[in-house]
């Protein structure tokens, strides 16, 4: 039986082989994986050279060599940032756009080839999400979005679906005190989403009211990111945003079928209070003074 360390190393070997990390010609395009990844990052809109280097975890010397290689091939142009001469920006040339598109096509084909033959594609994808969420923890990005944004709606639909699975009798958002979008838009409120390399991992809403307090609504963390401290970070960021908006009293409610949420709130400094709304779903009510 393999030890935990041996299993981890086995996984690393498998990923190295399948991704072509050791190929001198990644996807048959004549460049190693590192050069292709830089081109891909620029193609995805990361034009700040320092941002690309940090995103890929490259040292400055290697980054400079890769940029020089791509420039010599006529795929990118590197120029000073017009807003900050200390920074450099990299943009794709028409030839670079074409090469980027070809890499995207071939990468999609490779991913499809990995998943299509397998009879259990969903468990594989779930495992990939779990690993990527943990390995890219240092790149989690919490952003403020309109709650009607498609990314926000995706998070909310996932949240509603989970409540429907876990609540006695299911969950119908039309019966809940579903916050109006305008109540979660600055300066009245806020809606935060955590992204991990483009994938939504969590959301939480700050609903403004005219009752002397604001409410925390719709705290959701994707299964792939649970147990990594993301809920605590989302709440901390929401409390910081509330302070910026001049909000000093927060309230929230939750259901008995969410014991992990109840335990989390109690450990996070929330105080249990009497019912403060007529929402049919919650059993517990909490308050926190900022």
C-alpha atoms as a PDB file:
ATOM      1  CA  UNK A   1       0.000   0.000   0.000  1.00  0.00           C
ATOM      2  CA  UNK A   2       1.350   3.422  -0.947  1.00  0.00           C
ATOM      3  CA  UNK A   3       1.956   5.991   1.776  1.00  0.00           C
ATOM      4  CA  UNK A   4       0.339   9.433   1.631  1.00  0.00           C
ATOM      5  CA  UNK A   5       3.607  10.914   0.349  1.00  0.00           C
ATOM      6  CA  UNK A   6       3.936   8.232  -2.311  1.00  0.00           C
ATOM      7  CA  UNK A   7       0.359   8.797  -3.438  1.00  0.00           C
ATOM      8  CA  UNK A   8       1.005  12.534  -3.713  1.00  0.00           C
ATOM      9  CA  UNK A   9       4.128  11.924  -5.800  1.00  0.00           C
ATOM     10  CA  UNK A  10       2.257   9.445  -8.002  1.00  0.00           C
ATOM     11  CA  UNK A  11      -0.341  12.134  -8.684  1.00  0.00           C
ATOM     12  CA  UNK A  12       2.384  14.673  -9.526  1.00  0.00           C
ATOM     13  CA  UNK A  13       3.941  12.243 -12.014  1.00  0.00           C
ATOM     14  CA  UNK A  14       0.566  11.653 -13.655  1.00  0.00           C
ATOM     15  CA  UNK A  15      -0.131  15.379 -14.016  1.00  0.00           C
ATOM     16  CA  UNK A  16       3.362  16.013 -15.403  1.00  0.00           C
ATOM     17  CA  UNK A  17       2.834  13.356 -18.053  1.00  0.00           C
ATOM     18  CA  UNK A  18      -0.728  14.230 -19.029  1.00  0.00           C
ATOM     19  CA  UNK A  19      -0.182  17.991 -19.228  1.00  0.00           C
ATOM     20  CA  UNK A  20       2.959  17.668 -21.324  1.00  0.00           C
ATOM     21  CA  UNK A  21       5.021  19.602 -18.801  1.00  0.00           C
ATOM     22  CA  UNK A  22       8.233  17.904 -19.996  1.00  0.00           C
ATOM     23  CA  UNK A  23       7.544  18.258 -23.715  1.00  0.00           C
ATOM     24  CA  UNK A  24       9.920  20.526 -25.612  1.00  0.00           C
ATOM     25  CA  UNK A  25       7.054  21.159 -28.035  1.00  0.00           C
ATOM     26  CA  UNK A  26       3.876  21.611 -25.991  1.00  0.00           C
ATOM     27  CA  UNK A  27       0.830  20.567 -28.042  1.00  0.00           C
ATOM     28  CA  UNK A  28       3.122  20.275 -31.053  1.00  0.00           C
ATOM     29  CA  UNK A  29       3.537  24.054 -31.481  1.00  0.00           C
ATOM     30  CA  UNK A  30       7.335  24.149 -31.122  1.00  0.00           C
ATOM     31  CA  UNK A  31       7.540  25.734 -27.660  1.00  0.00           C
ATOM     32  CA  UNK A  32       7.818  24.304 -24.130  1.00  0.00           C
ATOM     33  CA  UNK A  33       4.892  24.589 -21.717  1.00  0.00           C
ATOM     34  CA  UNK A  34       6.306  27.616 -19.865  1.00  0.00           C
ATOM     35  CA  UNK A  35       6.451  29.753 -23.015  1.00  0.00           C
ATOM     36  CA  UNK A  36       2.972  28.641 -24.038  1.00  0.00           C
ATOM     37  CA  UNK A  37       1.592  29.524 -20.568  1.00  0.00           C
ATOM     38  CA  UNK A  38       2.957  33.064 -20.783  1.00  0.00           C
ATOM     39  CA  UNK A  39       1.370  33.513 -24.208  1.00  0.00           C
ATOM     40  CA  UNK A  40      -1.883  32.119 -22.826  1.00  0.00           C
ATOM     41  CA  UNK A  41      -1.867  34.486 -19.846  1.00  0.00           C
ATOM     42  CA  UNK A  42      -1.341  37.495 -22.108  1.00  0.00           C
ATOM     43  CA  UNK A  43      -4.076  36.266 -24.424  1.00  0.00           C
ATOM     44  CA  UNK A  44      -6.460  36.057 -21.462  1.00  0.00           C
ATOM     45  CA  UNK A  45      -5.943  39.753 -20.766  1.00  0.00           C
ATOM     46  CA  UNK A  46      -3.032  39.803 -18.325  1.00  0.00           C
ATOM     47  CA  UNK A  47      -0.902  42.452 -19.976  1.00  0.00           C
ATOM     48  CA  UNK A  48       1.072  43.708 -16.981  1.00  0.00           C
ATOM     49  CA  UNK A  49       4.371  41.813 -17.082  1.00  0.00           C
ATOM     50  CA  UNK A  50       4.680  41.771 -13.288  1.00  0.00           C
ATOM     51  CA  UNK A  51       1.140  40.432 -12.985  1.00  0.00           C
ATOM     52  CA  UNK A  52       1.868  37.625 -15.470  1.00  0.00           C
ATOM     53  CA  UNK A  53       5.066  36.706 -13.634  1.00  0.00           C
ATOM     54  CA  UNK A  54       3.284  36.562 -10.262  1.00  0.00           C
ATOM     55  CA  UNK A  55       0.333  34.644 -11.701  1.00  0.00           C
ATOM     56  CA  UNK A  56       2.595  31.927 -13.125  1.00  0.00           C
ATOM     57  CA  UNK A  57       5.135  31.961 -10.289  1.00  0.00           C
ATOM     58  CA  UNK A  58       8.121  32.683 -12.552  1.00  0.00           C
ATOM     59  CA  UNK A  59      11.367  34.336 -11.483  1.00  0.00           C
ATOM     60  CA  UNK A  60      12.268  37.590 -13.214  1.00  0.00           C
ATOM     61  CA  UNK A  61      15.166  36.114 -15.196  1.00  0.00           C
ATOM     62  CA  UNK A  62      13.070  33.321 -16.723  1.00  0.00           C
ATOM     63  CA  UNK A  63      10.234  35.738 -17.423  1.00  0.00           C
ATOM     64  CA  UNK A  64      12.572  38.059 -19.308  1.00  0.00           C
ATOM     65  CA  UNK A  65      13.909  35.197 -21.426  1.00  0.00           C
ATOM     66  CA  UNK A  66      10.408  34.000 -22.302  1.00  0.00           C
ATOM     67  CA  UNK A  67       9.273  37.489 -23.250  1.00  0.00           C
ATOM     68  CA  UNK A  68      12.343  37.908 -25.425  1.00  0.00           C
ATOM     69  CA  UNK A  69      11.596  34.593 -27.155  1.00  0.00           C
ATOM     70  CA  UNK A  70       8.006  35.599 -27.870  1.00  0.00           C
ATOM     71  CA  UNK A  71       9.127  39.017 -29.126  1.00  0.00           C
ATOM     72  CA  UNK A  72      11.664  37.446 -31.482  1.00  0.00           C
ATOM     73  CA  UNK A  73       8.905  35.228 -32.869  1.00  0.00           C
ATOM     74  CA  UNK A  74       6.782  38.302 -33.521  1.00  0.00           C
ATOM     75  CA  UNK A  75       4.016  37.108 -31.206  1.00  0.00           C
ATOM     76  CA  UNK A  76       4.062  39.919 -28.630  1.00  0.00           C
ATOM     77  CA  UNK A  77       5.080  43.539 -28.225  1.00  0.00           C
ATOM     78  CA  UNK A  78       6.451  44.738 -24.878  1.00  0.00           C
ATOM     79  CA  UNK A  79       6.103  48.448 -24.110  1.00  0.00           C
ATOM     80  CA  UNK A  80       6.322  50.721 -21.046  1.00  0.00           C
ATOM     81  CA  UNK A  81       3.052  51.153 -19.169  1.00  0.00           C
ATOM     82  CA  UNK A  82       1.743  54.630 -20.134  1.00  0.00           C
ATOM     83  CA  UNK A  83       0.465  55.156 -16.592  1.00  0.00           C
ATOM     84  CA  UNK A  84       3.599  53.933 -14.799  1.00  0.00           C
ATOM     85  CA  UNK A  85       6.940  53.917 -16.624  1.00  0.00           C
ATOM     86  CA  UNK A  86       8.358  51.480 -14.062  1.00  0.00           C
ATOM     87  CA  UNK A  87       6.036  48.781 -15.382  1.00  0.00           C
ATOM     88  CA  UNK A  88       5.933  46.972 -18.708  1.00  0.00           C
ATOM     89  CA  UNK A  89       2.965  45.768 -20.715  1.00  0.00           C
ATOM     90  CA  UNK A  90       2.837  42.856 -23.149  1.00  0.00           C
ATOM     91  CA  UNK A  91       0.258  42.672 -25.932  1.00  0.00           C
ATOM     92  CA  UNK A  92      -0.322  40.092 -28.636  1.00  0.00           C
ATOM     93  CA  UNK A  93       0.431  40.873 -32.266  1.00  0.00           C
ATOM     94  CA  UNK A  94      -1.935  39.548 -34.966  1.00  0.00           C
ATOM     95  CA  UNK A  95       0.384  36.533 -35.259  1.00  0.00           C
ATOM     96  CA  UNK A  96       0.251  36.146 -31.484  1.00  0.00           C
ATOM     97  CA  UNK A  97      -3.549  36.244 -31.526  1.00  0.00           C
ATOM     98  CA  UNK A  98      -3.580  33.457 -34.109  1.00  0.00           C
ATOM     99  CA  UNK A  99      -1.124  31.339 -32.109  1.00  0.00           C
ATOM    100  CA  UNK A 100      -3.065  31.930 -28.909  1.00  0.00           C
ATOM    101  CA  UNK A 101      -6.239  30.786 -30.652  1.00  0.00           C
ATOM    102  CA  UNK A 102      -4.538  27.615 -31.856  1.00  0.00           C
ATOM    103  CA  UNK A 103      -3.316  26.826 -28.342  1.00  0.00           C
ATOM    104  CA  UNK A 104      -6.858  27.313 -27.052  1.00  0.00           C
ATOM    105  CA  UNK A 105      -8.266  24.940 -29.659  1.00  0.00           C
ATOM    106  CA  UNK A 106      -5.668  22.248 -29.002  1.00  0.00           C
ATOM    107  CA  UNK A 107      -6.002  22.602 -25.217  1.00  0.00           C
ATOM    108  CA  UNK A 108      -9.777  22.174 -25.462  1.00  0.00           C
ATOM    109  CA  UNK A 109      -9.282  19.077 -27.594  1.00  0.00           C
ATOM    110  CA  UNK A 110      -6.848  17.601 -25.077  1.00  0.00           C
ATOM    111  CA  UNK A 111      -9.218  18.269 -22.164  1.00  0.00           C
ATOM    112  CA  UNK A 112     -12.117  16.703 -24.050  1.00  0.00           C
ATOM    113  CA  UNK A 113      -9.955  13.715 -24.883  1.00  0.00           C
ATOM    114  CA  UNK A 114      -9.206  13.199 -21.194  1.00  0.00           C
ATOM    115  CA  UNK A 115     -12.841  13.353 -20.088  1.00  0.00           C
ATOM    116  CA  UNK A 116     -14.856  11.796 -22.912  1.00  0.00           C
ATOM    117  CA  UNK A 117     -13.620   8.172 -22.634  1.00  0.00           C
ATOM    118  CA  UNK A 118     -14.042   8.036 -18.865  1.00  0.00           C
ATOM    119  CA  UNK A 119     -17.350   6.647 -17.518  1.00  0.00           C
ATOM    120  CA  UNK A 120     -17.109   8.834 -14.400  1.00  0.00           C
ATOM    121  CA  UNK A 121     -16.283  12.278 -15.777  1.00  0.00           C
ATOM    122  CA  UNK A 122     -18.156  14.219 -13.066  1.00  0.00           C
ATOM    123  CA  UNK A 123     -16.200  12.737 -10.125  1.00  0.00           C
ATOM    124  CA  UNK A 124     -12.982  13.489 -12.018  1.00  0.00           C
ATOM    125  CA  UNK A 125     -14.033  17.112 -12.545  1.00  0.00           C
ATOM    126  CA  UNK A 126     -15.036  17.441  -8.886  1.00  0.00           C
ATOM    127  CA  UNK A 127     -11.637  16.098  -7.829  1.00  0.00           C
ATOM    128  CA  UNK A 128      -9.932  18.535 -10.205  1.00  0.00           C
ATOM    129  CA  UNK A 129     -11.926  21.433  -8.727  1.00  0.00           C
ATOM    130  CA  UNK A 130     -10.971  20.355  -5.213  1.00  0.00           C
ATOM    131  CA  UNK A 131      -7.274  20.160  -6.026  1.00  0.00           C
ATOM    132  CA  UNK A 132      -7.176  23.371  -8.043  1.00  0.00           C
ATOM    133  CA  UNK A 133      -9.001  25.302  -5.303  1.00  0.00           C
ATOM    134  CA  UNK A 134      -6.469  24.155  -2.698  1.00  0.00           C
ATOM    135  CA  UNK A 135      -3.376  24.577  -4.861  1.00  0.00           C
ATOM    136  CA  UNK A 136      -4.402  28.048  -6.067  1.00  0.00           C
ATOM    137  CA  UNK A 137      -5.434  29.335  -2.632  1.00  0.00           C
ATOM    138  CA  UNK A 138      -2.854  32.128  -2.797  1.00  0.00           C
ATOM    139  CA  UNK A 139      -4.563  33.436  -5.949  1.00  0.00           C
ATOM    140  CA  UNK A 140      -8.096  33.686  -4.586  1.00  0.00           C
ATOM    141  CA  UNK A 141      -9.548  37.062  -5.523  1.00  0.00           C
ATOM    142  CA  UNK A 142     -12.563  38.587  -3.762  1.00  0.00           C
ATOM    143  CA  UNK A 143     -14.365  41.105  -5.981  1.00  0.00           C
ATOM    144  CA  UNK A 144     -17.482  43.218  -5.621  1.00  0.00           C
ATOM    145  CA  UNK A 145     -20.095  42.482  -8.281  1.00  0.00           C
ATOM    146  CA  UNK A 146     -23.643  43.458  -9.075  1.00  0.00           C
ATOM    147  CA  UNK A 147     -25.837  40.676  -7.612  1.00  0.00           C
ATOM    148  CA  UNK A 148     -27.521  40.459 -11.033  1.00  0.00           C
ATOM    149  CA  UNK A 149     -24.215  39.722 -12.774  1.00  0.00           C
ATOM    150  CA  UNK A 150     -24.148  36.237 -14.401  1.00  0.00           C
ATOM    151  CA  UNK A 151     -21.317  35.158 -12.083  1.00  0.00           C
ATOM    152  CA  UNK A 152     -23.298  36.294  -9.052  1.00  0.00           C
ATOM    153  CA  UNK A 153     -26.378  34.518 -10.336  1.00  0.00           C
ATOM    154  CA  UNK A 154     -24.403  31.304 -10.778  1.00  0.00           C
ATOM    155  CA  UNK A 155     -23.297  31.419  -7.126  1.00  0.00           C
ATOM    156  CA  UNK A 156     -26.816  32.172  -5.926  1.00  0.00           C
ATOM    157  CA  UNK A 157     -28.352  29.356  -7.965  1.00  0.00           C
ATOM    158  CA  UNK A 158     -25.811  26.921  -6.499  1.00  0.00           C
ATOM    159  CA  UNK A 159     -26.689  28.218  -3.025  1.00  0.00           C
ATOM    160  CA  UNK A 160     -30.445  27.836  -3.593  1.00  0.00           C
ATOM    161  CA  UNK A 161     -29.980  24.322  -4.991  1.00  0.00           C
ATOM    162  CA  UNK A 162     -28.048  23.241  -1.896  1.00  0.00           C
ATOM    163  CA  UNK A 163     -30.695  24.638   0.436  1.00  0.00           C
ATOM    164  CA  UNK A 164     -33.337  22.792  -1.547  1.00  0.00           C
ATOM    165  CA  UNK A 165     -31.451  19.539  -0.985  1.00  0.00           C
ATOM    166  CA  UNK A 166     -30.876  20.081   2.724  1.00  0.00           C
ATOM    167  CA  UNK A 167     -34.004  21.793   4.071  1.00  0.00           C
ATOM    168  CA  UNK A 168     -37.026  19.854   5.297  1.00  0.00           C
ATOM    169  CA  UNK A 169     -39.564  20.276   2.510  1.00  0.00           C
ATOM    170  CA  UNK A 170     -37.018  21.876   0.185  1.00  0.00           C
ATOM    171  CA  UNK A 171     -36.380  25.566  -0.472  1.00  0.00           C
ATOM    172  CA  UNK A 172     -38.322  28.016  -2.625  1.00  0.00           C
ATOM    173  CA  UNK A 173     -36.543  31.332  -2.999  1.00  0.00           C
ATOM    174  CA  UNK A 174     -39.873  33.031  -3.774  1.00  0.00           C
ATOM    175  CA  UNK A 175     -41.023  32.270  -0.197  1.00  0.00           C
ATOM    176  CA  UNK A 176     -37.880  33.619   1.460  1.00  0.00           C
ATOM    177  CA  UNK A 177     -36.970  37.190   2.261  1.00  0.00           C
ATOM    178  CA  UNK A 178     -34.949  37.349  -0.916  1.00  0.00           C
ATOM    179  CA  UNK A 179     -33.093  40.683  -0.910  1.00  0.00           C
ATOM    180  CA  UNK A 180     -33.823  43.141  -3.697  1.00  0.00           C
ATOM    181  CA  UNK A 181     -30.807  43.671  -5.936  1.00  0.00           C
ATOM    182  CA  UNK A 182     -30.720  47.376  -5.099  1.00  0.00           C
ATOM    183  CA  UNK A 183     -30.228  46.520  -1.426  1.00  0.00           C
ATOM    184  CA  UNK A 184     -26.912  44.801  -2.225  1.00  0.00           C
ATOM    185  CA  UNK A 185     -25.466  47.549  -4.411  1.00  0.00           C
ATOM    186  CA  UNK A 186     -23.283  50.367  -3.002  1.00  0.00           C
ATOM    187  CA  UNK A 187     -23.819  52.631  -1.197  1.00  0.00           C
ATOM    188  CA  UNK A 188     -26.720  50.716   0.337  1.00  0.00           C
ATOM    189  CA  UNK A 189     -25.062  47.302   0.416  1.00  0.00           C
ATOM    190  CA  UNK A 190     -22.583  45.034  -1.334  1.00  0.00           C
ATOM    191  CA  UNK A 191     -22.216  41.643  -3.001  1.00  0.00           C
ATOM    192  CA  UNK A 192     -18.851  39.866  -2.902  1.00  0.00           C
ATOM    193  CA  UNK A 193     -17.691  36.910  -4.981  1.00  0.00           C
ATOM    194  CA  UNK A 194     -14.454  34.935  -4.660  1.00  0.00           C
ATOM    195  CA  UNK A 195     -12.845  33.845  -7.934  1.00  0.00           C
ATOM    196  CA  UNK A 196     -10.085  31.278  -8.360  1.00  0.00           C
ATOM    197  CA  UNK A 197      -8.514  31.539 -11.811  1.00  0.00           C
ATOM    198  CA  UNK A 198     -11.923  32.430 -13.219  1.00  0.00           C
ATOM    199  CA  UNK A 199     -13.955  29.884 -11.233  1.00  0.00           C
ATOM    200  CA  UNK A 200     -16.511  31.244  -8.709  1.00  0.00           C
ATOM    201  CA  UNK A 201     -15.844  29.672  -5.310  1.00  0.00           C
ATOM    202  CA  UNK A 202     -17.963  31.714  -2.896  1.00  0.00           C
ATOM    203  CA  UNK A 203     -20.362  34.597  -2.485  1.00  0.00           C
ATOM    204  CA  UNK A 204     -21.963  36.656   0.262  1.00  0.00           C
ATOM    205  CA  UNK A 205     -24.378  39.567   0.231  1.00  0.00           C
ATOM    206  CA  UNK A 206     -24.595  42.625   2.461  1.00  0.00           C
ATOM    207  CA  UNK A 207     -28.210  43.782   2.400  1.00  0.00           C
ATOM    208  CA  UNK A 208     -28.816  47.352   3.457  1.00  0.00           C
ATOM    209  CA  UNK A 209     -31.991  48.156   5.403  1.00  0.00           C
ATOM    210  CA  UNK A 210     -33.679  51.185   6.963  1.00  0.00           C
ATOM    211  CA  UNK A 211     -33.905  49.485  10.377  1.00  0.00           C
ATOM    212  CA  UNK A 212     -30.583  50.486  11.914  1.00  0.00           C
ATOM    213  CA  UNK A 213     -28.747  47.363  10.793  1.00  0.00           C
ATOM    214  CA  UNK A 214     -27.675  45.514   7.638  1.00  0.00           C
ATOM    215  CA  UNK A 215     -28.099  41.807   6.966  1.00  0.00           C
ATOM    216  CA  UNK A 216     -25.623  39.173   5.838  1.00  0.00           C
ATOM    217  CA  UNK A 217     -27.347  37.112   3.162  1.00  0.00           C
ATOM    218  CA  UNK A 218     -26.530  34.160   0.909  1.00  0.00           C
ATOM    219  CA  UNK A 219     -23.148  33.093   2.298  1.00  0.00           C
ATOM    220  CA  UNK A 220     -22.130  30.193   0.053  1.00  0.00           C
ATOM    221  CA  UNK A 221     -18.840  28.342  -0.449  1.00  0.00           C
ATOM    222  CA  UNK A 222     -18.404  25.793  -3.226  1.00  0.00           C
ATOM    223  CA  UNK A 223     -17.858  22.214  -1.999  1.00  0.00           C
ATOM    224  CA  UNK A 224     -14.432  22.250  -3.664  1.00  0.00           C
ATOM    225  CA  UNK A 225     -13.257  25.078  -1.383  1.00  0.00           C
ATOM    226  CA  UNK A 226     -14.755  24.096   1.963  1.00  0.00           C
ATOM    227  CA  UNK A 227     -12.488  23.606   4.941  1.00  0.00           C
ATOM    228  CA  UNK A 228      -9.900  26.060   3.591  1.00  0.00           C
ATOM    229  CA  UNK A 229     -10.966  29.132   5.582  1.00  0.00           C
ATOM    230  CA  UNK A 230     -12.829  30.790   2.712  1.00  0.00           C
ATOM    231  CA  UNK A 231     -16.059  31.405   4.631  1.00  0.00           C
ATOM    232  CA  UNK A 232     -14.138  33.271   7.316  1.00  0.00           C
ATOM    233  CA  UNK A 233     -12.368  35.369   4.693  1.00  0.00           C
ATOM    234  CA  UNK A 234     -15.651  36.227   2.958  1.00  0.00           C
ATOM    235  CA  UNK A 235     -17.199  37.302   6.250  1.00  0.00           C
ATOM    236  CA  UNK A 236     -14.147  39.359   7.201  1.00  0.00           C
ATOM    237  CA  UNK A 237     -14.185  41.121   3.832  1.00  0.00           C
ATOM    238  CA  UNK A 238     -17.915  41.762   4.157  1.00  0.00           C
ATOM    239  CA  UNK A 239     -17.473  43.259   7.617  1.00  0.00           C
ATOM    240  CA  UNK A 240     -14.704  45.487   6.275  1.00  0.00           C
ATOM    241  CA  UNK A 241     -16.985  46.590   3.425  1.00  0.00           C
ATOM    242  CA  UNK A 242     -19.775  47.306   5.919  1.00  0.00           C
ATOM    243  CA  UNK A 243     -17.473  49.584   7.890  1.00  0.00           C
ATOM    244  CA  UNK A 244     -16.570  51.431   4.683  1.00  0.00           C
ATOM    245  CA  UNK A 245     -20.292  51.986   4.073  1.00  0.00           C
ATOM    246  CA  UNK A 246     -20.799  53.292   7.624  1.00  0.00           C
ATOM    247  CA  UNK A 247     -22.667  50.198   8.846  1.00  0.00           C
ATOM    248  CA  UNK A 248     -22.049  49.268  12.485  1.00  0.00           C
ATOM    249  CA  UNK A 249     -24.672  46.589  13.226  1.00  0.00           C
ATOM    250  CA  UNK A 250     -25.015  43.337  11.292  1.00  0.00           C
ATOM    251  CA  UNK A 251     -27.630  40.624  11.561  1.00  0.00           C
ATOM    252  CA  UNK A 252     -28.183  37.251   9.915  1.00  0.00           C
ATOM    253  CA  UNK A 253     -30.363  34.173  10.150  1.00  0.00           C
ATOM    254  CA  UNK A 254     -29.857  30.501   9.356  1.00  0.00           C
ATOM    255  CA  UNK A 255     -31.628  27.147   9.359  1.00  0.00           C
ATOM    256  CA  UNK A 256     -31.241  24.203  11.755  1.00  0.00           C
ATOM    257  CA  UNK A 257     -30.252  21.999   8.793  1.00  0.00           C
ATOM    258  CA  UNK A 258     -27.038  24.021   8.453  1.00  0.00           C
ATOM    259  CA  UNK A 259     -25.273  23.072  11.721  1.00  0.00           C
ATOM    260  CA  UNK A 260     -21.843  23.932  10.338  1.00  0.00           C
ATOM    261  CA  UNK A 261     -23.062  27.489   9.664  1.00  0.00           C
ATOM    262  CA  UNK A 262     -24.497  27.825  13.169  1.00  0.00           C
ATOM    263  CA  UNK A 263     -21.230  26.622  14.692  1.00  0.00           C
ATOM    264  CA  UNK A 264     -19.212  28.937  12.451  1.00  0.00           C
ATOM    265  CA  UNK A 265     -21.202  32.033  13.423  1.00  0.00           C
ATOM    266  CA  UNK A 266     -20.923  31.300  17.130  1.00  0.00           C
ATOM    267  CA  UNK A 267     -17.153  30.871  16.857  1.00  0.00           C
ATOM    268  CA  UNK A 268     -16.871  34.019  14.737  1.00  0.00           C
ATOM    269  CA  UNK A 269     -18.218  36.324  17.427  1.00  0.00           C
ATOM    270  CA  UNK A 270     -21.898  36.439  16.488  1.00  0.00           C
ATOM    271  CA  UNK A 271     -24.419  36.628  19.355  1.00  0.00           C
ATOM    272  CA  UNK A 272     -27.718  34.777  19.183  1.00  0.00           C
ATOM    273  CA  UNK A 273     -30.775  37.075  19.368  1.00  0.00           C
ATOM    274  CA  UNK A 274     -34.571  36.841  19.068  1.00  0.00           C
ATOM    275  CA  UNK A 275     -36.261  36.474  15.681  1.00  0.00           C
ATOM    276  CA  UNK A 276     -36.164  39.761  13.761  1.00  0.00           C
ATOM    277  CA  UNK A 277     -37.976  38.848  10.525  1.00  0.00           C
ATOM    278  CA  UNK A 278     -40.899  36.773   9.216  1.00  0.00           C
ATOM    279  CA  UNK A 279     -38.895  34.651   6.772  1.00  0.00           C
ATOM    280  CA  UNK A 280     -40.345  31.092   6.989  1.00  0.00           C
ATOM    281  CA  UNK A 281     -37.012  29.275   6.727  1.00  0.00           C
ATOM    282  CA  UNK A 282     -34.640  30.407   9.527  1.00  0.00           C
ATOM    283  CA  UNK A 283     -34.529  28.910  13.010  1.00  0.00           C
ATOM    284  CA  UNK A 284     -31.550  30.841  14.425  1.00  0.00           C
ATOM    285  CA  UNK A 285     -30.877  34.580  14.476  1.00  0.00           C
ATOM    286  CA  UNK A 286     -27.593  36.364  15.165  1.00  0.00           C
ATOM    287  CA  UNK A 287     -26.188  39.864  15.572  1.00  0.00           C
ATOM    288  CA  UNK A 288     -22.693  41.350  15.504  1.00  0.00           C
ATOM    289  CA  UNK A 289     -21.591  44.858  16.434  1.00  0.00           C
ATOM    290  CA  UNK A 290     -18.705  46.228  14.391  1.00  0.00           C
END
